[in-house]
Amino acid sequence: AVQVGELVSGGPGVVAPQRVSDLRAVYPRAAERFGKQASVSVRVLVDENGRVAQAERLGTKVGFGFDEAALEAARRVTFRPATKEGVRVKMWHTLRVDFRP
């Protein structure tokens, strides 16, 4: 039987976490000054309560403060937690944070 808080990946009976709050990132000042733009992918571990328990950047570091701003924004997002067979579980989820001037 599935336990509350168990870590799962996709598959039969699994409903992925769904974002319920906006993903609002603060545009880094250094990037703004230079007119830079970027997209940063962040992998988040969404717990059984819909909160981000861990966040890590995926791919190559972008720089200009984008990576840190993306991670900070991702940690503030709230979700409807993933479920497996109707039980609230933990699951990794990927977010893309776009920065445009």
PDB file of N, CA and C in Angstrom:
ATOM      1  N   ALA A   1       0.839  -1.195   0.000  1.00  0.00           N
ATOM      2  CA  ALA A   1       0.000   0.000   0.000  1.00  0.00           C
ATOM      3  C   ALA A   1       0.879   1.252   0.000  1.00  0.00           C
ATOM      4  N   VAL A   2       0.395   2.278  -0.626  1.00  0.00           N
ATOM      5  CA  VAL A   2       1.112   3.550  -0.710  1.00  0.00           C
ATOM      6  C   VAL A   2       0.991   4.280   0.622  1.00  0.00           C
ATOM      7  N   GLN A   3       2.110   4.835   1.099  1.00  0.00           N
ATOM      8  CA  GLN A   3       2.126   5.583   2.360  1.00  0.00           C
ATOM      9  C   GLN A   3       2.139   7.084   2.082  1.00  0.00           C
ATOM     10  N   VAL A   4       1.495   7.865   2.922  1.00  0.00           N
ATOM     11  CA  VAL A   4       1.536   9.325   2.808  1.00  0.00           C
ATOM     12  C   VAL A   4       2.989   9.770   2.900  1.00  0.00           C
ATOM     13  N   GLY A   5       3.417  10.647   1.959  1.00  0.00           N
ATOM     14  CA  GLY A   5       4.781  11.167   1.984  1.00  0.00           C
ATOM     15  C   GLY A   5       5.804  10.305   1.283  1.00  0.00           C
ATOM     16  N   GLU A   6       5.386   9.180   0.740  1.00  0.00           N
ATOM     17  CA  GLU A   6       6.300   8.304   0.005  1.00  0.00           C
ATOM     18  C   GLU A   6       6.778   9.025  -1.259  1.00  0.00           C
ATOM     19  N   LEU A   7       8.047   8.837  -1.628  1.00  0.00           N
ATOM     20  CA  LEU A   7       8.596   9.440  -2.842  1.00  0.00           C
ATOM     21  C   LEU A   7       8.255   8.554  -4.027  1.00  0.00           C
ATOM     22  N   VAL A   8       7.603   9.135  -5.036  1.00  0.00           N
ATOM     23  CA  VAL A   8       7.206   8.360  -6.212  1.00  0.00           C
ATOM     24  C   VAL A   8       7.681   9.049  -7.486  1.00  0.00           C
ATOM     25  N   SER A   9       7.656   8.300  -8.577  1.00  0.00           N
ATOM     26  CA  SER A   9       7.869   8.877  -9.900  1.00  0.00           C
ATOM     27  C   SER A   9       6.598   8.591 -10.690  1.00  0.00           C
ATOM     28  N   GLY A  10       6.529   9.091 -11.903  1.00  0.00           N
ATOM     29  CA  GLY A  10       5.321   8.918 -12.696  1.00  0.00           C
ATOM     30  C   GLY A  10       5.006   7.457 -12.947  1.00  0.00           C
ATOM     31  N   GLY A  11       3.763   7.190 -13.279  1.00  0.00           N
ATOM     32  CA  GLY A  11       3.361   5.825 -13.564  1.00  0.00           C
ATOM     33  C   GLY A  11       1.881   5.652 -13.337  1.00  0.00           C
ATOM     34  N   PRO A  12       1.395   4.424 -13.440  1.00  0.00           N
ATOM     35  CA  PRO A  12      -0.036   4.169 -13.244  1.00  0.00           C
ATOM     36  C   PRO A  12      -0.508   4.602 -11.861  1.00  0.00           C
ATOM     37  N   GLY A  13      -1.644   5.273 -11.826  1.00  0.00           N
ATOM     38  CA  GLY A  13      -2.223   5.709 -10.556  1.00  0.00           C
ATOM     39  C   GLY A  13      -1.605   6.959  -9.977  1.00  0.00           C
ATOM     40  N   VAL A  14      -0.611   7.572 -10.687  1.00  0.00           N
ATOM     41  CA  VAL A  14       0.077   8.759 -10.178  1.00  0.00           C
ATOM     42  C   VAL A  14      -0.451  10.011 -10.870  1.00  0.00           C
ATOM     43  N   VAL A  15      -0.806  11.010 -10.058  1.00  0.00           N
ATOM     44  CA  VAL A  15      -1.184  12.327 -10.578  1.00  0.00           C
ATOM     45  C   VAL A  15      -0.088  13.288 -10.133  1.00  0.00           C
ATOM     46  N   ALA A  16       0.569  13.935 -11.093  1.00  0.00           N
ATOM     47  CA  ALA A  16       1.690  14.839 -10.809  1.00  0.00           C
ATOM     48  C   ALA A  16       1.231  16.050 -10.002  1.00  0.00           C
ATOM     49  N   PRO A  17       2.167  16.705  -9.287  1.00  0.00           N
ATOM     50  CA  PRO A  17       1.809  17.927  -8.554  1.00  0.00           C
ATOM     51  C   PRO A  17       1.382  19.023  -9.531  1.00  0.00           C
ATOM     52  N   GLN A  18       0.479  19.872  -9.075  1.00  0.00           N
ATOM     53  CA  GLN A  18       0.000  20.967  -9.911  1.00  0.00           C
ATOM     54  C   GLN A  18       0.185  22.288  -9.176  1.00  0.00           C
ATOM     55  N   ARG A  19       0.781  23.238  -9.881  1.00  0.00           N
ATOM     56  CA  ARG A  19       1.081  24.538  -9.298  1.00  0.00           C
ATOM     57  C   ARG A  19      -0.222  25.283  -8.977  1.00  0.00           C
ATOM     58  N   VAL A  20      -0.298  25.845  -7.759  1.00  0.00           N
ATOM     59  CA  VAL A  20      -1.468  26.631  -7.368  1.00  0.00           C
ATOM     60  C   VAL A  20      -1.113  28.092  -7.101  1.00  0.00           C
ATOM     61  N   SER A  21       0.180  28.421  -7.064  1.00  0.00           N
ATOM     62  CA  SER A  21       0.582  29.820  -6.912  1.00  0.00           C
ATOM     63  C   SER A  21       1.448  30.214  -8.096  1.00  0.00           C
ATOM     64  N   ASP A  22       1.569  31.519  -8.307  1.00  0.00           N
ATOM     65  CA  ASP A  22       2.367  32.021  -9.422  1.00  0.00           C
ATOM     66  C   ASP A  22       3.856  31.808  -9.180  1.00  0.00           C
ATOM     67  N   LEU A  23       4.562  31.663 -10.277  1.00  0.00           N
ATOM     68  CA  LEU A  23       6.022  31.557 -10.239  1.00  0.00           C
ATOM     69  C   LEU A  23       6.548  32.953 -10.532  1.00  0.00           C
ATOM     70  N   ARG A  24       6.867  33.688  -9.476  1.00  0.00           N
ATOM     71  CA  ARG A  24       7.307  35.080  -9.616  1.00  0.00           C
ATOM     72  C   ARG A  24       8.766  35.216  -9.238  1.00  0.00           C
ATOM     73  N   ALA A  25       9.578  35.458 -10.249  1.00  0.00           N
ATOM     74  CA  ALA A  25      11.007  35.623 -10.018  1.00  0.00           C
ATOM     75  C   ALA A  25      11.368  37.102 -10.099  1.00  0.00           C
ATOM     76  N   VAL A  26      12.276  37.527  -9.241  1.00  0.00           N
ATOM     77  CA  VAL A  26      12.781  38.898  -9.259  1.00  0.00           C
ATOM     78  C   VAL A  26      13.885  38.965 -10.310  1.00  0.00           C
ATOM     79  N   TYR A  27      13.745  39.896 -11.255  1.00  0.00           N
ATOM     80  CA  TYR A  27      14.725  40.048 -12.320  1.00  0.00           C
ATOM     81  C   TYR A  27      16.035  40.555 -11.716  1.00  0.00           C
ATOM     82  N   PRO A  28      17.133  39.837 -11.886  1.00  0.00           N
ATOM     83  CA  PRO A  28      18.407  40.247 -11.273  1.00  0.00           C
ATOM     84  C   PRO A  28      18.875  41.609 -11.812  1.00  0.00           C
ATOM     85  N   ARG A  29      19.338  42.456 -10.905  1.00  0.00           N
ATOM     86  CA  ARG A  29      19.783  43.805 -11.305  1.00  0.00           C
ATOM     87  C   ARG A  29      20.922  43.780 -12.305  1.00  0.00           C
ATOM     88  N   ALA A  30      21.892  42.891 -12.082  1.00  0.00           N
ATOM     89  CA  ALA A  30      23.038  42.815 -12.999  1.00  0.00           C
ATOM     90  C   ALA A  30      22.564  42.468 -14.405  1.00  0.00           C
ATOM     91  N   ALA A  31      21.648  41.545 -14.510  1.00  0.00           N
ATOM     92  CA  ALA A  31      21.130  41.137 -15.820  1.00  0.00           C
ATOM     93  C   ALA A  31      20.347  42.270 -16.466  1.00  0.00           C
ATOM     94  N   GLU A  32      19.594  42.979 -15.658  1.00  0.00           N
ATOM     95  CA  GLU A  32      18.793  44.103 -16.156  1.00  0.00           C
ATOM     96  C   GLU A  32      19.709  45.198 -16.711  1.00  0.00           C
ATOM     97  N   ARG A  33      20.768  45.470 -15.974  1.00  0.00           N
ATOM     98  CA  ARG A  33      21.719  46.492 -16.382  1.00  0.00           C
ATOM     99  C   ARG A  33      22.315  46.202 -17.763  1.00  0.00           C
ATOM    100  N   PHE A  34      22.565  44.921 -18.036  1.00  0.00           N
ATOM    101  CA  PHE A  34      23.181  44.529 -19.302  1.00  0.00           C
ATOM    102  C   PHE A  34      22.163  44.091 -20.354  1.00  0.00           C
ATOM    103  N   GLY A  35      20.867  44.194 -20.036  1.00  0.00           N
ATOM    104  CA  GLY A  35      19.826  43.816 -20.984  1.00  0.00           C
ATOM    105  C   GLY A  35      19.799  42.325 -21.289  1.00  0.00           C
ATOM    106  N   LYS A  36      20.198  41.514 -20.326  1.00  0.00           N
ATOM    107  CA  LYS A  36      20.262  40.065 -20.526  1.00  0.00           C
ATOM    108  C   LYS A  36      18.896  39.420 -20.307  1.00  0.00           C
ATOM    109  N   GLN A  37      18.692  38.307 -20.969  1.00  0.00           N
ATOM    110  CA  GLN A  37      17.503  37.490 -20.726  1.00  0.00           C
ATOM    111  C   GLN A  37      17.924  36.036 -20.705  1.00  0.00           C
ATOM    112  N   ALA A  38      17.115  35.191 -20.056  1.00  0.00           N
ATOM    113  CA  ALA A  38      17.481  33.777 -19.924  1.00  0.00           C
ATOM    114  C   ALA A  38      16.276  32.961 -19.495  1.00  0.00           C
ATOM    115  N   SER A  39      16.433  31.657 -19.617  1.00  0.00           N
ATOM    116  CA  SER A  39      15.482  30.689 -19.075  1.00  0.00           C
ATOM    117  C   SER A  39      16.289  29.733 -18.208  1.00  0.00           C
ATOM    118  N   VAL A  40      15.766  29.428 -17.036  1.00  0.00           N
ATOM    119  CA  VAL A  40      16.446  28.529 -16.112  1.00  0.00           C
ATOM    120  C   VAL A  40      15.476  27.409 -15.748  1.00  0.00           C
ATOM    121  N   SER A  41      15.930  26.174 -15.887  1.00  0.00           N
ATOM    122  CA  SER A  41      15.115  25.031 -15.474  1.00  0.00           C
ATOM    123  C   SER A  41      15.499  24.648 -14.053  1.00  0.00           C
ATOM    124  N   VAL A  42      14.475  24.447 -13.238  1.00  0.00           N
ATOM    125  CA  VAL A  42      14.682  24.116 -11.829  1.00  0.00           C
ATOM    126  C   VAL A  42      13.887  22.855 -11.521  1.00  0.00           C
ATOM    127  N   ARG A  43      14.539  21.924 -10.855  1.00  0.00           N
ATOM    128  CA  ARG A  43      13.886  20.688 -10.418  1.00  0.00           C
ATOM    129  C   ARG A  43      13.526  20.868  -8.949  1.00  0.00           C
ATOM    130  N   VAL A  44      12.242  20.648  -8.620  1.00  0.00           N
ATOM    131  CA  VAL A  44      11.787  20.818  -7.241  1.00  0.00           C
ATOM    132  C   VAL A  44      11.184  19.518  -6.719  1.00  0.00           C
ATOM    133  N   LEU A  45      11.437  19.258  -5.453  1.00  0.00           N
ATOM    134  CA  LEU A  45      10.806  18.125  -4.784  1.00  0.00           C
ATOM    135  C   LEU A  45       9.590  18.671  -4.049  1.00  0.00           C
ATOM    136  N   VAL A  46       8.408  18.311  -4.531  1.00  0.00           N
ATOM    137  CA  VAL A  46       7.164  18.777  -3.933  1.00  0.00           C
ATOM    138  C   VAL A  46       6.742  17.746  -2.886  1.00  0.00           C
ATOM    139  N   ASP A  47       6.588  18.203  -1.637  1.00  0.00           N
ATOM    140  CA  ASP A  47       6.237  17.262  -0.573  1.00  0.00           C
ATOM    141  C   ASP A  47       4.731  16.960  -0.567  1.00  0.00           C
ATOM    142  N   GLU A  48       4.326  16.121   0.362  1.00  0.00           N
ATOM    143  CA  GLU A  48       2.930  15.678   0.432  1.00  0.00           C
ATOM    144  C   GLU A  48       1.960  16.779   0.851  1.00  0.00           C
ATOM    145  N   ASN A  49       2.502  17.927   1.275  1.00  0.00           N
ATOM    146  CA  ASN A  49       1.666  19.074   1.631  1.00  0.00           C
ATOM    147  C   ASN A  49       1.659  20.148   0.549  1.00  0.00           C
ATOM    148  N   GLY A  50       2.357  19.899  -0.559  1.00  0.00           N
ATOM    149  CA  GLY A  50       2.377  20.850  -1.667  1.00  0.00           C
ATOM    150  C   GLY A  50       3.452  21.909  -1.553  1.00  0.00           C
ATOM    151  N   ARG A  51       4.376  21.735  -0.616  1.00  0.00           N
ATOM    152  CA  ARG A  51       5.471  22.693  -0.461  1.00  0.00           C
ATOM    153  C   ARG A  51       6.734  22.163  -1.121  1.00  0.00           C
ATOM    154  N   VAL A  52       7.605  23.087  -1.517  1.00  0.00           N
ATOM    155  CA  VAL A  52       8.875  22.696  -2.128  1.00  0.00           C
ATOM    156  C   VAL A  52       9.862  22.356  -1.012  1.00  0.00           C
ATOM    157  N   ALA A  53      10.274  21.093  -0.975  1.00  0.00           N
ATOM    158  CA  ALA A  53      11.211  20.631   0.049  1.00  0.00           C
ATOM    159  C   ALA A  53      12.658  20.832  -0.398  1.00  0.00           C
ATOM    160  N   GLN A  54      12.906  20.740  -1.707  1.00  0.00           N
ATOM    161  CA  GLN A  54      14.249  20.937  -2.268  1.00  0.00           C
ATOM    162  C   GLN A  54      14.104  21.566  -3.642  1.00  0.00           C
ATOM    163  N   ALA A  55      15.127  22.329  -4.022  1.00  0.00           N
ATOM    164  CA  ALA A  55      15.160  22.913  -5.364  1.00  0.00           C
ATOM    165  C   ALA A  55      16.594  22.890  -5.861  1.00  0.00           C
ATOM    166  N   GLU A  56      16.757  22.490  -7.114  1.00  0.00           N
ATOM    167  CA  GLU A  56      18.099  22.470  -7.704  1.00  0.00           C
ATOM    168  C   GLU A  56      18.015  22.877  -9.171  1.00  0.00           C
ATOM    169  N   ARG A  57      19.042  23.584  -9.610  1.00  0.00           N
ATOM    170  CA  ARG A  57      19.099  24.033 -11.003  1.00  0.00           C
ATOM    171  C   ARG A  57      19.444  22.858 -11.888  1.00  0.00           C
ATOM    172  N   LEU A  58      18.822  22.800 -13.054  1.00  0.00           N
ATOM    173  CA  LEU A  58      19.156  21.789 -14.053  1.00  0.00           C
ATOM    174  C   LEU A  58      19.970  22.447 -15.154  1.00  0.00           C
ATOM    175  N   GLY A  59      20.909  21.721 -15.709  1.00  0.00           N
ATOM    176  CA  GLY A  59      21.679  22.243 -16.835  1.00  0.00           C
ATOM    177  C   GLY A  59      22.806  23.168 -16.403  1.00  0.00           C
ATOM    178  N   THR A  60      23.313  23.899 -17.390  1.00  0.00           N
ATOM    179  CA  THR A  60      24.457  24.773 -17.207  1.00  0.00           C
ATOM    180  C   THR A  60      24.075  26.051 -16.470  1.00  0.00           C
ATOM    181  N   LYS A  61      24.986  26.523 -15.624  1.00  0.00           N
ATOM    182  CA  LYS A  61      24.765  27.777 -14.896  1.00  0.00           C
ATOM    183  C   LYS A  61      24.674  28.924 -15.902  1.00  0.00           C
ATOM    184  N   VAL A  62      23.671  29.773 -15.717  1.00  0.00           N
ATOM    185  CA  VAL A  62      23.419  30.877 -16.647  1.00  0.00           C
ATOM    186  C   VAL A  62      24.217  32.126 -16.263  1.00  0.00           C
ATOM    187  N   GLY A  63      24.319  32.406 -14.954  1.00  0.00           N
ATOM    188  CA  GLY A  63      25.041  33.583 -14.488  1.00  0.00           C
ATOM    189  C   GLY A  63      24.164  34.818 -14.393  1.00  0.00           C
ATOM    190  N   PHE A  64      24.770  35.963 -14.126  1.00  0.00           N
ATOM    191  CA  PHE A  64      24.099  37.258 -13.982  1.00  0.00           C
ATOM    192  C   PHE A  64      23.020  37.268 -12.899  1.00  0.00           C
ATOM    193  N   GLY A  65      23.057  36.291 -11.994  1.00  0.00           N
ATOM    194  CA  GLY A  65      22.079  36.230 -10.911  1.00  0.00           C
ATOM    195  C   GLY A  65      20.807  35.474 -11.268  1.00  0.00           C
ATOM    196  N   PHE A  66      20.695  35.015 -12.522  1.00  0.00           N
ATOM    197  CA  PHE A  66      19.495  34.295 -12.954  1.00  0.00           C
ATOM    198  C   PHE A  66      19.282  32.995 -12.182  1.00  0.00           C
ATOM    199  N   ASP A  67      20.358  32.236 -11.972  1.00  0.00           N
ATOM    200  CA  ASP A  67      20.238  30.930 -11.314  1.00  0.00           C
ATOM    201  C   ASP A  67      19.677  31.074  -9.900  1.00  0.00           C
ATOM    202  N   GLU A  68      20.253  31.995  -9.148  1.00  0.00           N
ATOM    203  CA  GLU A  68      19.824  32.214  -7.768  1.00  0.00           C
ATOM    204  C   GLU A  68      18.385  32.714  -7.709  1.00  0.00           C
ATOM    205  N   ALA A  69      18.038  33.643  -8.607  1.00  0.00           N
ATOM    206  CA  ALA A  69      16.675  34.196  -8.633  1.00  0.00           C
ATOM    207  C   ALA A  69      15.658  33.106  -8.985  1.00  0.00           C
ATOM    208  N   ALA A  70      16.019  32.232  -9.905  1.00  0.00           N
ATOM    209  CA  ALA A  70      15.116  31.141 -10.295  1.00  0.00           C
ATOM    210  C   ALA A  70      14.903  30.172  -9.140  1.00  0.00           C
ATOM    211  N   LEU A  71      15.974  29.813  -8.443  1.00  0.00           N
ATOM    212  CA  LEU A  71      15.857  28.905  -7.305  1.00  0.00           C
ATOM    213  C   LEU A  71      15.018  29.518  -6.192  1.00  0.00           C
ATOM    214  N   GLU A  72      15.250  30.785  -5.916  1.00  0.00           N
ATOM    215  CA  GLU A  72      14.491  31.482  -4.872  1.00  0.00           C
ATOM    216  C   GLU A  72      13.003  31.505  -5.220  1.00  0.00           C
ATOM    217  N   ALA A  73      12.675  31.814  -6.466  1.00  0.00           N
ATOM    218  CA  ALA A  73      11.277  31.859  -6.895  1.00  0.00           C
ATOM    219  C   ALA A  73      10.645  30.470  -6.813  1.00  0.00           C
ATOM    220  N   ALA A  74      11.380  29.451  -7.238  1.00  0.00           N
ATOM    221  CA  ALA A  74      10.854  28.083  -7.223  1.00  0.00           C
ATOM    222  C   ALA A  74      10.540  27.620  -5.803  1.00  0.00           C
ATOM    223  N   ARG A  75      11.353  28.023  -4.844  1.00  0.00           N
ATOM    224  CA  ARG A  75      11.130  27.613  -3.444  1.00  0.00           C
ATOM    225  C   ARG A  75       9.853  28.215  -2.863  1.00  0.00           C
ATOM    226  N   ARG A  76       9.366  29.319  -3.441  1.00  0.00           N
ATOM    227  CA  ARG A  76       8.161  29.981  -2.928  1.00  0.00           C
ATOM    228  C   ARG A  76       6.854  29.459  -3.538  1.00  0.00           C
ATOM    229  N   VAL A  77       6.957  28.680  -4.602  1.00  0.00           N
ATOM    230  CA  VAL A  77       5.762  28.176  -5.281  1.00  0.00           C
ATOM    231  C   VAL A  77       5.068  27.130  -4.407  1.00  0.00           C
ATOM    232  N   THR A  78       3.743  27.140  -4.434  1.00  0.00           N
ATOM    233  CA  THR A  78       2.984  26.102  -3.746  1.00  0.00           C
ATOM    234  C   THR A  78       2.230  25.276  -4.786  1.00  0.00           C
ATOM    235  N   PHE A  79       1.991  24.035  -4.420  1.00  0.00           N
ATOM    236  CA  PHE A  79       1.398  23.064  -5.329  1.00  0.00           C
ATOM    237  C   PHE A  79       0.232  22.331  -4.676  1.00  0.00           C
ATOM    238  N   ARG A  80      -0.597  21.752  -5.512  1.00  0.00           N
ATOM    239  CA  ARG A  80      -1.498  20.696  -5.075  1.00  0.00           C
ATOM    240  C   ARG A  80      -0.595  19.473  -5.147  1.00  0.00           C
ATOM    241  N   PRO A  81      -0.421  18.746  -4.045  1.00  0.00           N
ATOM    242  CA  PRO A  81       0.564  17.665  -4.039  1.00  0.00           C
ATOM    243  C   PRO A  81       0.214  16.541  -5.011  1.00  0.00           C
ATOM    244  N   ALA A  82       1.245  15.805  -5.397  1.00  0.00           N
ATOM    245  CA  ALA A  82       1.046  14.620  -6.221  1.00  0.00           C
ATOM    246  C   ALA A  82       0.291  13.580  -5.401  1.00  0.00           C
ATOM    247  N   THR A  83      -0.394  12.702  -6.113  1.00  0.00           N
ATOM    248  CA  THR A  83      -1.059  11.593  -5.440  1.00  0.00           C
ATOM    249  C   THR A  83      -0.758  10.303  -6.190  1.00  0.00           C
ATOM    250  N   LYS A  84      -0.763   9.234  -5.433  1.00  0.00           N
ATOM    251  CA  LYS A  84      -0.683   7.899  -6.025  1.00  0.00           C
ATOM    252  C   LYS A  84      -1.795   7.091  -5.403  1.00  0.00           C
ATOM    253  N   GLU A  85      -2.697   6.637  -6.256  1.00  0.00           N
ATOM    254  CA  GLU A  85      -3.872   5.890  -5.795  1.00  0.00           C
ATOM    255  C   GLU A  85      -4.637   6.685  -4.739  1.00  0.00           C
ATOM    256  N   GLY A  86      -4.676   8.025  -4.932  1.00  0.00           N
ATOM    257  CA  GLY A  86      -5.428   8.899  -4.032  1.00  0.00           C
ATOM    258  C   GLY A  86      -4.695   9.307  -2.766  1.00  0.00           C
ATOM    259  N   VAL A  87      -3.472   8.830  -2.563  1.00  0.00           N
ATOM    260  CA  VAL A  87      -2.685   9.141  -1.360  1.00  0.00           C
ATOM    261  C   VAL A  87      -1.675  10.241  -1.697  1.00  0.00           C
ATOM    262  N   ARG A  88      -1.575  11.270  -0.831  1.00  0.00           N
ATOM    263  CA  ARG A  88      -0.622  12.373  -1.055  1.00  0.00           C
ATOM    264  C   ARG A  88       0.806  11.874  -0.898  1.00  0.00           C
ATOM    265  N   VAL A  89       1.625  12.147  -1.934  1.00  0.00           N
ATOM    266  CA  VAL A  89       3.006  11.658  -1.957  1.00  0.00           C
ATOM    267  C   VAL A  89       3.964  12.775  -2.366  1.00  0.00           C
ATOM    268  N   LYS A  90       5.268  12.499  -2.247  1.00  0.00           N
ATOM    269  CA  LYS A  90       6.310  13.420  -2.710  1.00  0.00           C
ATOM    270  C   LYS A  90       6.671  13.063  -4.143  1.00  0.00           C
ATOM    271  N   MET A  91       7.007  14.097  -4.931  1.00  0.00           N
ATOM    272  CA  MET A  91       7.396  13.835  -6.311  1.00  0.00           C
ATOM    273  C   MET A  91       8.240  14.982  -6.839  1.00  0.00           C
ATOM    274  N   TRP A  92       9.246  14.643  -7.656  1.00  0.00           N
ATOM    275  CA  TRP A  92      10.049  15.663  -8.319  1.00  0.00           C
ATOM    276  C   TRP A  92       9.258  16.241  -9.484  1.00  0.00           C
ATOM    277  N   HIS A  93       9.426  17.546  -9.701  1.00  0.00           N
ATOM    278  CA  HIS A  93       8.708  18.262 -10.762  1.00  0.00           C
ATOM    279  C   HIS A  93       9.659  19.321 -11.326  1.00  0.00           C
ATOM    280  N   THR A  94       9.591  19.566 -12.617  1.00  0.00           N
ATOM    281  CA  THR A  94      10.483  20.558 -13.246  1.00  0.00           C
ATOM    282  C   THR A  94       9.714  21.827 -13.574  1.00  0.00           C
ATOM    283  N   LEU A  95      10.320  22.962 -13.230  1.00  0.00           N
ATOM    284  CA  LEU A  95       9.763  24.279 -13.542  1.00  0.00           C
ATOM    285  C   LEU A  95      10.729  24.997 -14.475  1.00  0.00           C
ATOM    286  N   ARG A  96      10.190  25.818 -15.353  1.00  0.00           N
ATOM    287  CA  ARG A  96      11.030  26.654 -16.206  1.00  0.00           C
ATOM    288  C   ARG A  96      10.742  28.103 -15.825  1.00  0.00           C
ATOM    289  N   VAL A  97      11.806  28.814 -15.490  1.00  0.00           N
ATOM    290  CA  VAL A  97      11.681  30.217 -15.090  1.00  0.00           C
ATOM    291  C   VAL A  97      12.246  31.073 -16.221  1.00  0.00           C
ATOM    292  N   ASP A  98      11.391  31.876 -16.830  1.00  0.00           N
ATOM    293  CA  ASP A  98      11.807  32.736 -17.944  1.00  0.00           C
ATOM    294  C   ASP A  98      12.013  34.158 -17.445  1.00  0.00           C
ATOM    295  N   PHE A  99      13.135  34.723 -17.846  1.00  0.00           N
ATOM    296  CA  PHE A  99      13.459  36.119 -17.517  1.00  0.00           C
ATOM    297  C   PHE A  99      13.541  36.899 -18.814  1.00  0.00           C
ATOM    298  N   ARG A 100      12.673  37.875 -18.965  1.00  0.00           N
ATOM    299  CA  ARG A 100      12.678  38.755 -20.145  1.00  0.00           C
ATOM    300  C   ARG A 100      12.596  40.194 -19.659  1.00  0.00           C
ATOM    301  N   PRO A 101      13.431  41.084 -20.228  1.00  0.00           N
ATOM    302  CA  PRO A 101      13.402  42.482 -19.768  1.00  0.00           C
ATOM    303  C   PRO A 101      12.085  43.172 -20.114  1.00  0.00           C
TER     304      PRO A 101
END
